[in-house]
Amino acid sequence: MSETRPARIPSLVKKYLMAGSGLVLVLFVLGHMAGNLQIFSGSPATINRYARFLHSIPELLWLVRSFLFSCVIVHIWMAVLLTLENRAARPAQYAQAANIQTSFAARTMIWSGVIILAFILFHLAQFTLEIVNPMYAWLEYPLDGHQVHDVYAMVILGFADPAVAGFYILAVWLLCTHLSHGFSSMFQSLGVRNEKWRHRLDQAASAVGLVLFAGFAAVPASVQFSKYSDTQILPVQSILQQVDSQKWDPASPRPIGINYYDTPLAPAEDDSTPRVLQIAVPAHP
């Protein structure tokens, strides 16, 4: 009576799955960076309109999120399996010699991946699920005749915390280092990398990582610079002052509006009515 062994995923299939899921994640990160950089457009309406468009199709949005989450799981799963497979196949002395030749990014892929996963979970809890600070869900902005979520103010308020901004910059540095090494290794896994193209592909991977880091770090860095400087790249000081002045209470939550155009406070009907800042938005922001 023969013993049935569990099916094993061939090494080549693991490499293809890891490369394919990694490519999907790189493309998503590029698109996410482009969306984030809209905060520098000069008008809160730009990024708020972009966010409203994404949330106007919730079914498609959650389908994309589910697909991306599946890619993350597959990527991590294949990375662990390939790491264990490589360690089992290599003698101890060979592994020690190989560590000398490999890059820092290659040797720390697993650990950087764990930190990046923790960062993604925190990032989702902060800006997507709004668990870290429930006040963010009450930020409003008038757009095209509707009150929409003020993503512009939420991002600025989130990165105004130096600890959050520092953790974000560290995480995106690890992410970009991870992606840079993975982008280069992907071509090897797909069998299209040779000695002739190796140097060029490594340079291209480094360039992609540098661009991504600069794009993602620009937002928290600009928020921190504007918070402590007279030069306001973003209206951080004004937003912080206005939010503090409204004394938002989670026990009795109410909408929060930011006056981006120096419009005076609307008069209260009586002393018990909370004053909510009104926003004057140009006809064509």
Protein backbone atom coordinates (compact mmCIF):
# COMPACT_ATOMS: atom_id res chain seq x y z
CA MET A 1 0.00 0.00 0.00
CA SER A 2 1.69 3.16 -1.23
CA GLU A 3 1.86 6.30 0.86
CA THR A 4 0.27 9.36 -0.70
CA ARG A 5 2.50 12.41 -0.56
CA PRO A 6 1.10 15.93 -0.58
CA ALA A 7 1.46 17.74 -3.90
CA ARG A 8 4.41 20.10 -4.06
CA ILE A 9 4.59 23.28 -6.09
CA PRO A 10 7.47 23.06 -8.60
CA SER A 11 10.26 25.59 -8.04
CA LEU A 12 9.72 27.17 -11.45
CA VAL A 13 6.02 27.73 -10.70
CA LYS A 14 6.93 29.31 -7.35
CA LYS A 15 9.30 31.71 -9.09
CA TYR A 16 6.67 32.62 -11.71
CA LEU A 17 4.03 33.19 -9.02
CA MET A 18 6.40 35.35 -7.00
CA ALA A 19 7.50 37.35 -10.03
CA GLY A 20 3.94 37.81 -11.32
CA SER A 21 2.50 38.88 -7.97
CA GLY A 22 5.49 41.18 -7.44
CA LEU A 23 4.92 42.85 -10.81
CA VAL A 24 1.27 43.49 -9.94
CA LEU A 25 2.33 45.08 -6.64
CA VAL A 26 4.96 47.27 -8.34
CA LEU A 27 2.35 48.58 -10.79
CA PHE A 28 -0.06 49.26 -7.91
CA VAL A 29 2.62 51.11 -5.95
CA LEU A 30 3.40 53.29 -8.98
CA GLY A 31 -0.29 54.15 -9.39
CA HIS A 32 -0.70 54.80 -5.66
CA MET A 33 2.29 57.15 -5.71
CA ALA A 34 0.82 59.09 -8.64
CA GLY A 35 -2.44 59.46 -6.73
CA ASN A 36 -0.66 60.68 -3.58
CA LEU A 37 1.30 63.32 -5.48
CA GLN A 38 -1.96 65.05 -6.43
CA ILE A 39 -1.76 66.67 -3.00
CA PHE A 40 0.78 69.08 -4.55
CA SER A 41 -1.64 70.21 -7.29
CA GLY A 42 -2.37 73.45 -5.45
CA SER A 43 -6.03 72.68 -4.76
CA PRO A 44 -7.63 70.29 -2.25
CA ALA A 45 -10.27 69.55 -4.90
CA THR A 46 -7.84 67.53 -7.04
CA ILE A 47 -7.06 64.71 -4.63
CA ASN A 48 -10.56 64.87 -3.10
CA ARG A 49 -12.13 64.43 -6.55
CA TYR A 50 -9.77 61.52 -7.22
CA ALA A 51 -10.74 59.87 -3.90
CA ARG A 52 -14.43 60.42 -4.59
CA PHE A 53 -14.08 58.75 -7.99
CA LEU A 54 -12.46 55.68 -6.42
CA HIS A 55 -15.18 55.37 -3.78
CA SER A 56 -17.99 55.92 -6.30
CA ILE A 57 -17.53 52.31 -7.45
CA PRO A 58 -17.22 50.42 -4.14
CA GLU A 59 -17.77 46.97 -5.66
CA LEU A 60 -14.88 47.42 -8.10
CA LEU A 61 -12.74 49.05 -5.40
CA TRP A 62 -13.13 46.10 -3.03
CA LEU A 63 -12.57 43.66 -5.89
CA VAL A 64 -9.26 45.37 -6.65
CA ARG A 65 -8.35 45.44 -2.96
CA SER A 66 -9.11 41.72 -2.65
CA PHE A 67 -6.98 40.96 -5.70
CA LEU A 68 -4.09 43.01 -4.34
CA PHE A 69 -4.37 41.35 -0.93
CA SER A 70 -4.29 37.95 -2.67
CA CYS A 71 -1.14 39.01 -4.52
CA VAL A 72 0.47 40.02 -1.20
CA ILE A 73 -0.39 36.62 0.33
CA VAL A 74 0.89 34.72 -2.72
CA HIS A 75 4.06 36.81 -2.81
CA ILE A 76 4.84 36.21 0.87
CA TRP A 77 3.94 32.52 0.62
CA MET A 78 6.19 31.93 -2.38
CA ALA A 79 9.00 33.94 -0.76
CA VAL A 80 8.90 31.74 2.36
CA LEU A 81 8.76 28.51 0.34
CA LEU A 82 11.65 29.53 -1.92
CA THR A 83 13.74 30.67 1.06
CA LEU A 84 13.23 27.34 2.84
CA GLU A 85 13.93 25.46 -0.37
CA ASN A 86 17.17 27.35 -0.99
CA ARG A 87 18.38 26.84 2.57
CA ALA A 88 17.67 23.12 2.41
CA ALA A 89 19.54 22.79 -0.89
CA ARG A 90 22.66 24.74 0.16
CA PRO A 91 25.42 23.42 2.41
CA ALA A 92 26.17 25.66 5.40
CA GLN A 93 29.58 26.77 4.12
CA TYR A 94 28.17 27.64 0.70
CA ALA A 95 25.41 29.67 2.29
CA GLN A 96 27.94 31.64 4.34
CA ALA A 97 30.03 32.35 1.25
CA ALA A 98 26.95 33.36 -0.72
CA ASN A 99 25.93 35.86 1.97
CA ILE A 100 29.16 37.76 1.41
CA GLN A 101 28.34 38.27 -2.28
CA THR A 102 24.65 39.07 -1.96
CA SER A 103 23.39 42.58 -1.35
CA PHE A 104 21.93 43.93 1.87
CA ALA A 105 18.49 44.03 0.23
CA ALA A 106 18.72 40.38 -0.78
CA ARG A 107 19.79 39.24 2.70
CA THR A 108 17.01 41.16 4.45
CA MET A 109 14.11 40.52 2.06
CA ILE A 110 12.18 38.44 4.60
CA TRP A 111 12.62 40.92 7.49
CA SER A 112 11.92 43.97 5.37
CA GLY A 113 8.84 42.16 4.07
CA VAL A 114 7.56 41.67 7.64
CA ILE A 115 8.06 45.38 8.47
CA ILE A 116 6.38 46.39 5.22
CA LEU A 117 3.39 44.15 6.02
CA ALA A 118 3.09 45.76 9.46
CA PHE A 119 3.26 49.20 7.82
CA ILE A 120 0.54 48.28 5.29
CA LEU A 121 -1.77 47.13 8.09
CA PHE A 122 -1.17 50.36 10.04
CA HIS A 123 -1.61 52.46 6.89
CA LEU A 124 -4.95 50.80 6.17
CA ALA A 125 -6.07 51.25 9.78
CA GLN A 126 -5.12 54.93 9.68
CA PHE A 127 -6.36 56.19 6.31
CA THR A 128 -8.71 53.51 4.91
CA LEU A 129 -10.53 52.14 7.96
CA GLU A 130 -9.96 55.33 10.01
CA ILE A 131 -9.48 53.35 13.22
CA VAL A 132 -6.35 55.16 14.44
CA ASN A 133 -8.17 58.52 14.58
CA PRO A 134 -11.98 58.38 14.12
CA MET A 135 -12.03 62.16 13.61
CA TYR A 136 -10.73 61.65 10.07
CA ALA A 137 -14.10 60.19 9.01
CA TRP A 138 -15.79 63.51 9.84
CA LEU A 139 -13.63 65.71 7.64
CA GLU A 140 -15.81 67.20 4.90
CA TYR A 141 -15.18 69.15 1.72
CA PRO A 142 -17.77 70.67 -0.68
CA LEU A 143 -17.19 69.33 -4.18
CA ASP A 144 -19.47 69.64 -7.19
CA GLY A 145 -22.48 70.35 -5.01
CA HIS A 146 -21.83 67.49 -2.58
CA GLN A 147 -20.11 67.09 0.77
CA VAL A 148 -17.30 64.60 0.28
CA HIS A 149 -14.56 63.23 2.48
CA ASP A 150 -11.66 65.68 2.83
CA VAL A 151 -8.78 63.32 2.02
CA TYR A 152 -6.47 66.31 1.56
CA ALA A 153 -6.86 67.39 5.19
CA MET A 154 -6.78 63.78 6.44
CA VAL A 155 -3.40 63.09 4.85
CA ILE A 156 -1.93 66.31 6.23
CA LEU A 157 -3.27 65.67 9.72
CA GLY A 158 -2.00 62.09 9.64
CA PHE A 159 1.54 63.03 8.65
CA ALA A 160 1.65 65.98 11.05
CA ASP A 161 2.59 63.45 13.72
CA PRO A 162 6.41 63.12 13.53
CA ALA A 163 6.28 59.46 14.66
CA VAL A 164 3.83 58.55 11.90
CA ALA A 165 5.79 60.50 9.28
CA GLY A 166 9.07 58.91 10.39
CA PHE A 167 7.62 55.38 10.37
CA TYR A 168 6.13 56.03 6.92
CA ILE A 169 9.44 57.24 5.47
CA LEU A 170 11.31 54.27 6.98
CA ALA A 171 8.71 51.84 5.68
CA VAL A 172 8.72 53.25 2.15
CA TRP A 173 12.54 53.14 2.14
CA LEU A 174 12.38 49.45 3.01
CA LEU A 175 9.59 48.97 0.48
CA CYS A 176 11.55 50.65 -2.31
CA THR A 177 14.70 48.70 -1.43
CA HIS A 178 12.61 45.53 -1.45
CA LEU A 179 10.96 46.41 -4.77
CA SER A 180 14.26 47.43 -6.35
CA HIS A 181 15.84 44.05 -5.57
CA GLY A 182 12.64 42.21 -6.47
CA PHE A 183 12.28 44.10 -9.76
CA SER A 184 15.77 43.01 -10.77
CA SER A 185 15.29 39.42 -9.57
CA MET A 186 11.98 39.15 -11.42
CA PHE A 187 13.75 39.12 -14.78
CA GLN A 188 16.00 36.33 -13.57
CA SER A 189 12.99 34.31 -12.42
CA LEU A 190 11.35 34.80 -15.82
CA GLY A 191 14.56 33.71 -17.58
CA VAL A 192 15.14 36.97 -19.46
CA ARG A 193 18.13 38.20 -17.49
CA ASN A 194 21.65 37.39 -18.70
CA GLU A 195 25.14 38.73 -18.06
CA LYS A 196 24.81 41.24 -20.91
CA TRP A 197 21.66 42.82 -19.48
CA ARG A 198 22.31 42.21 -15.80
CA HIS A 199 24.02 45.57 -15.11
CA ARG A 200 21.41 47.54 -17.07
CA LEU A 201 18.53 45.81 -15.33
CA ASP A 202 20.11 46.44 -11.94
CA GLN A 203 20.47 50.13 -12.81
CA ALA A 204 16.85 50.29 -13.97
CA ALA A 205 15.71 48.59 -10.76
CA SER A 206 17.68 51.09 -8.65
CA ALA A 207 16.16 53.98 -10.61
CA VAL A 208 12.64 52.63 -10.05
CA GLY A 209 13.32 52.29 -6.33
CA LEU A 210 14.73 55.82 -6.09
CA VAL A 211 11.78 57.37 -7.94
CA LEU A 212 9.29 55.52 -5.75
CA PHE A 213 11.05 56.55 -2.55
CA ALA A 214 11.24 60.20 -3.60
CA GLY A 215 7.56 60.19 -4.60
CA PHE A 216 6.26 58.58 -1.43
CA ALA A 217 8.58 60.38 1.01
CA ALA A 218 7.78 63.77 -0.51
CA VAL A 219 4.36 63.97 1.15
CA PRO A 220 5.27 63.30 4.82
CA ALA A 221 8.53 65.24 4.43
CA SER A 222 6.65 68.27 3.05
CA VAL A 223 4.08 68.07 5.84
CA GLN A 224 6.79 68.02 8.51
CA PHE A 225 8.74 70.82 6.83
CA SER A 226 5.61 72.99 6.55
CA LYS A 227 4.65 72.27 10.17
CA TYR A 228 7.88 73.72 11.55
CA SER A 229 8.72 76.30 8.89
CA ASP A 230 7.39 79.65 7.72
CA THR A 231 7.50 78.27 4.17
CA GLN A 232 4.21 76.48 3.65
CA ILE A 233 4.59 73.86 0.92
CA LEU A 234 1.25 72.58 2.21
CA PRO A 235 -1.14 74.52 4.51
CA VAL A 236 -0.24 72.41 7.53
CA GLN A 237 -0.19 75.10 10.21
CA SER A 238 -3.54 76.54 9.14
CA ILE A 239 -5.23 73.12 9.08
CA LEU A 240 -3.85 72.15 12.49
CA GLN A 241 -4.96 75.46 14.03
CA GLN A 242 -8.45 75.21 12.59
CA VAL A 243 -8.96 71.62 13.70
CA ASP A 244 -7.67 72.40 17.20
CA SER A 245 -10.00 75.39 17.45
CA GLN A 246 -13.06 73.23 16.76
CA LYS A 247 -12.30 70.95 19.74
CA TRP A 248 -13.75 67.84 18.13
CA ASP A 249 -15.21 65.42 20.68
CA PRO A 250 -15.59 61.70 19.79
CA ALA A 251 -18.44 61.48 22.32
CA SER A 252 -20.50 63.95 20.25
CA PRO A 253 -18.96 63.86 16.75
CA ARG A 254 -19.82 66.48 14.17
CA PRO A 255 -18.55 67.36 10.69
CA ILE A 256 -15.29 69.28 10.40
CA GLY A 257 -14.71 71.73 7.59
CA ILE A 258 -11.44 73.46 6.77
CA ASN A 259 -11.47 77.04 5.56
CA TYR A 260 -8.95 76.91 2.70
CA TYR A 261 -9.89 80.32 1.33
CA ASP A 262 -9.93 82.56 4.44
CA THR A 263 -13.73 82.69 4.59
CA PRO A 264 -14.87 83.92 8.02
CA LEU A 265 -16.80 81.64 10.34
CA ALA A 266 -20.49 81.36 9.68
CA PRO A 267 -22.49 83.00 12.49
CA ALA A 268 -23.96 80.57 14.99
CA GLU A 269 -27.74 80.52 15.39
CA ASP A 270 -27.32 80.56 19.16
CA ASP A 271 -24.62 80.02 21.73
CA SER A 272 -25.29 76.27 21.92
CA THR A 273 -24.83 75.67 18.17
CA PRO A 274 -21.28 74.57 17.34
CA ARG A 275 -19.50 76.71 14.81
CA VAL A 276 -18.44 74.77 11.75
CA LEU A 277 -16.03 76.41 9.37
CA GLN A 278 -17.57 77.09 5.97
CA ILE A 279 -15.51 76.58 2.85
CA ALA A 280 -15.70 78.87 -0.15
CA VAL A 281 -14.62 76.90 -3.20
CA PRO A 282 -13.97 78.61 -6.53
CA ALA A 283 -16.26 77.61 -9.38
CA HIS A 284 -13.36 76.03 -11.21
CA PRO A 285 -10.76 74.88 -8.66
